[in-house]
Amino acid sequence: TGGVLLQLGVHGFDLIEHLFGPIEQLGALTAIRMPQRRLADGSVIAVRAPDHALVHHQLCSGVPVSHEILFGEVAGTSRFRLEV
């Protein structure tokens, strides 16, 4: 399962390509940082897919890009932030 990469990361990949051009290659480190998650109804579930990823892209232009994706963000933080 792709976890955070497939649920949130794909939007960042799309944005990177839209703004800066095609991605030639990438590498990623993933982890489960919160092994349990409490749902709105109070129940607790075990997390089995990565909830945090650090991705390094190499664009076709040669420009390197770092991309961090996580589910465990602090409430009230900017969900999508881009630093150029």
N, C-alpha and C. Protein backbone atom coordinates (compact mmCIF):
# COMPACT_ATOMS: atom_id res chain seq x y z
N THR A 1 0.84 -1.19 0.00
CA THR A 1 0.00 0.00 0.00
C THR A 1 0.87 1.24 0.00
N GLY A 2 0.40 2.28 -0.62
CA GLY A 2 1.18 3.51 -0.76
C GLY A 2 0.96 4.51 0.35
N GLY A 3 -0.13 4.35 1.12
CA GLY A 3 -0.38 5.26 2.22
C GLY A 3 -0.38 6.72 1.80
N VAL A 4 0.38 7.53 2.53
CA VAL A 4 0.41 8.97 2.33
C VAL A 4 0.89 9.36 0.92
N LEU A 5 1.75 8.54 0.32
CA LEU A 5 2.23 8.85 -1.04
C LEU A 5 1.09 8.83 -2.05
N LEU A 6 0.22 7.84 -1.95
CA LEU A 6 -0.88 7.74 -2.91
C LEU A 6 -2.06 8.64 -2.57
N GLN A 7 -2.26 8.93 -1.29
CA GLN A 7 -3.41 9.75 -0.91
C GLN A 7 -3.13 11.25 -1.00
N LEU A 8 -1.94 11.69 -0.62
CA LEU A 8 -1.61 13.12 -0.66
C LEU A 8 -0.46 13.43 -1.61
N GLY A 9 0.52 12.56 -1.65
CA GLY A 9 1.73 12.81 -2.41
C GLY A 9 1.51 13.04 -3.88
N VAL A 10 0.55 12.32 -4.46
CA VAL A 10 0.32 12.45 -5.91
C VAL A 10 -0.05 13.89 -6.28
N HIS A 11 -0.72 14.61 -5.38
CA HIS A 11 -1.07 16.01 -5.66
C HIS A 11 0.18 16.89 -5.71
N GLY A 12 1.12 16.62 -4.81
CA GLY A 12 2.39 17.35 -4.82
C GLY A 12 3.21 17.02 -6.06
N PHE A 13 3.22 15.74 -6.47
CA PHE A 13 3.95 15.35 -7.67
C PHE A 13 3.39 16.10 -8.88
N ASP A 14 2.07 16.16 -8.96
CA ASP A 14 1.41 16.86 -10.06
C ASP A 14 1.76 18.35 -10.06
N LEU A 15 1.74 18.97 -8.87
CA LEU A 15 2.06 20.38 -8.76
C LEU A 15 3.52 20.66 -9.15
N ILE A 16 4.43 19.81 -8.71
CA ILE A 16 5.84 19.98 -9.06
C ILE A 16 6.01 19.94 -10.58
N GLU A 17 5.38 18.96 -11.23
CA GLU A 17 5.51 18.86 -12.69
C GLU A 17 4.84 20.03 -13.39
N HIS A 18 3.72 20.48 -12.88
CA HIS A 18 3.01 21.61 -13.49
C HIS A 18 3.85 22.89 -13.41
N LEU A 19 4.48 23.13 -12.28
CA LEU A 19 5.24 24.36 -12.08
C LEU A 19 6.66 24.31 -12.64
N PHE A 20 7.31 23.15 -12.56
CA PHE A 20 8.74 23.11 -12.84
C PHE A 20 9.15 22.16 -13.95
N GLY A 21 8.24 21.36 -14.48
CA GLY A 21 8.58 20.44 -15.57
C GLY A 21 8.63 19.00 -15.09
N PRO A 22 8.83 18.10 -16.05
CA PRO A 22 8.75 16.66 -15.77
C PRO A 22 9.77 16.17 -14.74
N ILE A 23 9.34 15.19 -13.97
CA ILE A 23 10.20 14.50 -13.00
C ILE A 23 10.89 13.35 -13.73
N GLU A 24 12.21 13.30 -13.65
CA GLU A 24 12.97 12.25 -14.31
C GLU A 24 13.09 11.01 -13.41
N GLN A 25 13.38 11.23 -12.14
CA GLN A 25 13.51 10.12 -11.20
C GLN A 25 13.20 10.59 -9.80
N LEU A 26 12.92 9.64 -8.91
CA LEU A 26 12.69 10.00 -7.52
C LEU A 26 13.05 8.84 -6.62
N GLY A 27 13.29 9.17 -5.38
CA GLY A 27 13.53 8.18 -4.34
C GLY A 27 12.78 8.64 -3.10
N ALA A 28 12.34 7.69 -2.30
CA ALA A 28 11.55 8.06 -1.13
C ALA A 28 11.90 7.20 0.08
N LEU A 29 11.86 7.83 1.23
CA LEU A 29 11.91 7.13 2.52
C LEU A 29 10.53 7.28 3.13
N THR A 30 9.96 6.18 3.60
CA THR A 30 8.64 6.24 4.22
C THR A 30 8.69 5.64 5.61
N ALA A 31 7.72 6.02 6.42
CA ALA A 31 7.66 5.51 7.79
C ALA A 31 6.23 5.60 8.31
N ILE A 32 5.96 4.78 9.31
CA ILE A 32 4.72 4.92 10.07
C ILE A 32 5.12 5.63 11.36
N ARG A 33 4.77 6.90 11.47
CA ARG A 33 5.17 7.72 12.61
C ARG A 33 4.14 7.67 13.74
N MET A 34 2.88 7.41 13.37
CA MET A 34 1.81 7.29 14.37
C MET A 34 1.19 5.90 14.21
N PRO A 35 1.67 4.90 14.94
CA PRO A 35 1.21 3.52 14.74
C PRO A 35 -0.26 3.28 15.10
N GLN A 36 -0.85 4.21 15.83
CA GLN A 36 -2.28 4.13 16.14
C GLN A 36 -2.91 5.49 15.89
N ARG A 37 -4.15 5.47 15.43
CA ARG A 37 -4.86 6.71 15.13
C ARG A 37 -6.25 6.65 15.75
N ARG A 38 -6.65 7.75 16.42
CA ARG A 38 -7.98 7.83 17.02
C ARG A 38 -8.93 8.48 16.02
N LEU A 39 -10.03 7.81 15.72
CA LEU A 39 -11.03 8.31 14.78
C LEU A 39 -11.99 9.25 15.48
N ALA A 40 -12.80 9.95 14.70
CA ALA A 40 -13.75 10.93 15.25
C ALA A 40 -14.72 10.30 16.24
N ASP A 41 -15.05 9.03 16.05
CA ASP A 41 -15.99 8.36 16.96
C ASP A 41 -15.31 7.85 18.24
N GLY A 42 -14.00 8.08 18.36
CA GLY A 42 -13.27 7.68 19.56
C GLY A 42 -12.58 6.34 19.44
N SER A 43 -12.90 5.57 18.42
CA SER A 43 -12.25 4.26 18.26
C SER A 43 -10.80 4.46 17.81
N VAL A 44 -9.98 3.47 18.13
CA VAL A 44 -8.56 3.52 17.80
C VAL A 44 -8.26 2.41 16.79
N ILE A 45 -7.54 2.77 15.74
CA ILE A 45 -7.18 1.78 14.74
C ILE A 45 -5.66 1.72 14.60
N ALA A 46 -5.17 0.57 14.16
CA ALA A 46 -3.74 0.40 13.90
C ALA A 46 -3.45 0.94 12.49
N VAL A 47 -2.37 1.69 12.36
CA VAL A 47 -1.96 2.22 11.06
C VAL A 47 -1.02 1.20 10.42
N ARG A 48 -1.34 0.79 9.20
CA ARG A 48 -0.55 -0.23 8.52
C ARG A 48 0.13 0.28 7.25
N ALA A 49 -0.12 1.52 6.87
CA ALA A 49 0.48 2.09 5.66
C ALA A 49 1.27 3.33 6.06
N PRO A 50 2.30 3.69 5.30
CA PRO A 50 3.12 4.85 5.63
C PRO A 50 2.30 6.12 5.80
N ASP A 51 2.58 6.85 6.89
CA ASP A 51 1.89 8.12 7.13
C ASP A 51 2.84 9.31 7.01
N HIS A 52 4.09 9.04 6.64
CA HIS A 52 5.10 10.08 6.51
C HIS A 52 6.06 9.66 5.39
N ALA A 53 6.39 10.58 4.51
CA ALA A 53 7.35 10.28 3.44
C ALA A 53 8.22 11.49 3.17
N LEU A 54 9.46 11.22 2.85
CA LEU A 54 10.40 12.25 2.40
C LEU A 54 10.87 11.81 1.02
N VAL A 55 10.54 12.62 0.01
CA VAL A 55 10.81 12.26 -1.38
C VAL A 55 11.81 13.23 -1.97
N HIS A 56 12.78 12.70 -2.69
CA HIS A 56 13.73 13.52 -3.43
C HIS A 56 13.51 13.27 -4.92
N HIS A 57 13.16 14.33 -5.65
CA HIS A 57 12.91 14.26 -7.08
C HIS A 57 14.11 14.83 -7.82
N GLN A 58 14.35 14.30 -9.00
CA GLN A 58 15.31 14.89 -9.94
C GLN A 58 14.48 15.25 -11.17
N LEU A 59 14.39 16.54 -11.47
CA LEU A 59 13.64 16.96 -12.64
C LEU A 59 14.45 16.71 -13.91
N CYS A 60 13.78 16.62 -15.04
CA CYS A 60 14.47 16.45 -16.33
C CYS A 60 15.46 17.58 -16.59
N SER A 61 15.19 18.75 -16.03
CA SER A 61 16.08 19.90 -16.17
C SER A 61 17.34 19.78 -15.32
N GLY A 62 17.37 18.78 -14.44
CA GLY A 62 18.51 18.61 -13.55
C GLY A 62 18.29 19.19 -12.17
N VAL A 63 17.22 19.95 -11.96
CA VAL A 63 16.94 20.59 -10.68
C VAL A 63 16.49 19.54 -9.66
N PRO A 64 17.10 19.52 -8.46
CA PRO A 64 16.65 18.62 -7.41
C PRO A 64 15.51 19.25 -6.61
N VAL A 65 14.58 18.43 -6.15
CA VAL A 65 13.43 18.90 -5.37
C VAL A 65 13.26 17.97 -4.16
N SER A 66 13.05 18.55 -2.98
CA SER A 66 12.72 17.79 -1.77
C SER A 66 11.25 18.00 -1.48
N HIS A 67 10.59 16.93 -1.07
CA HIS A 67 9.13 16.94 -0.91
C HIS A 67 8.77 16.10 0.32
N GLU A 68 8.23 16.73 1.34
CA GLU A 68 7.82 16.02 2.56
C GLU A 68 6.30 15.91 2.58
N ILE A 69 5.81 14.71 2.88
CA ILE A 69 4.38 14.44 2.88
C ILE A 69 4.04 13.73 4.19
N LEU A 70 3.03 14.24 4.92
CA LEU A 70 2.69 13.59 6.18
C LEU A 70 1.21 13.77 6.53
N PHE A 71 0.70 12.77 7.23
CA PHE A 71 -0.66 12.84 7.76
C PHE A 71 -0.68 13.47 9.15
N GLY A 72 0.43 13.40 9.88
CA GLY A 72 0.46 13.83 11.27
C GLY A 72 0.74 15.29 11.48
N GLU A 73 0.23 16.16 10.62
CA GLU A 73 0.47 17.59 10.77
C GLU A 73 -0.28 18.15 11.97
N VAL A 74 0.24 19.21 12.51
CA VAL A 74 -0.39 19.88 13.65
C VAL A 74 -1.64 20.62 13.18
N ALA A 75 -2.71 20.52 13.92
CA ALA A 75 -3.96 21.20 13.56
C ALA A 75 -3.70 22.68 13.35
N GLY A 76 -4.27 23.22 12.28
CA GLY A 76 -4.14 24.64 12.00
C GLY A 76 -2.95 24.99 11.12
N THR A 77 -2.12 24.00 10.77
CA THR A 77 -0.99 24.31 9.88
C THR A 77 -1.47 24.33 8.44
N SER A 78 -0.68 24.95 7.60
CA SER A 78 -0.99 25.03 6.18
C SER A 78 -0.88 23.63 5.58
N ARG A 79 -1.96 23.14 5.00
CA ARG A 79 -1.98 21.77 4.48
C ARG A 79 -1.01 21.61 3.31
N PHE A 80 -1.00 22.57 2.41
CA PHE A 80 -0.09 22.52 1.27
C PHE A 80 0.75 23.78 1.29
N ARG A 81 2.03 23.61 1.44
CA ARG A 81 2.94 24.75 1.48
C ARG A 81 4.05 24.48 0.48
N LEU A 82 4.40 25.47 -0.27
CA LEU A 82 5.43 25.35 -1.28
C LEU A 82 6.51 26.37 -1.00
N GLU A 83 7.75 25.93 -0.93
CA GLU A 83 8.88 26.82 -0.77
C GLU A 83 9.76 26.68 -2.00
N VAL A 84 10.03 27.79 -2.66
CA VAL A 84 10.85 27.75 -3.88
C VAL A 84 12.17 28.46 -3.60
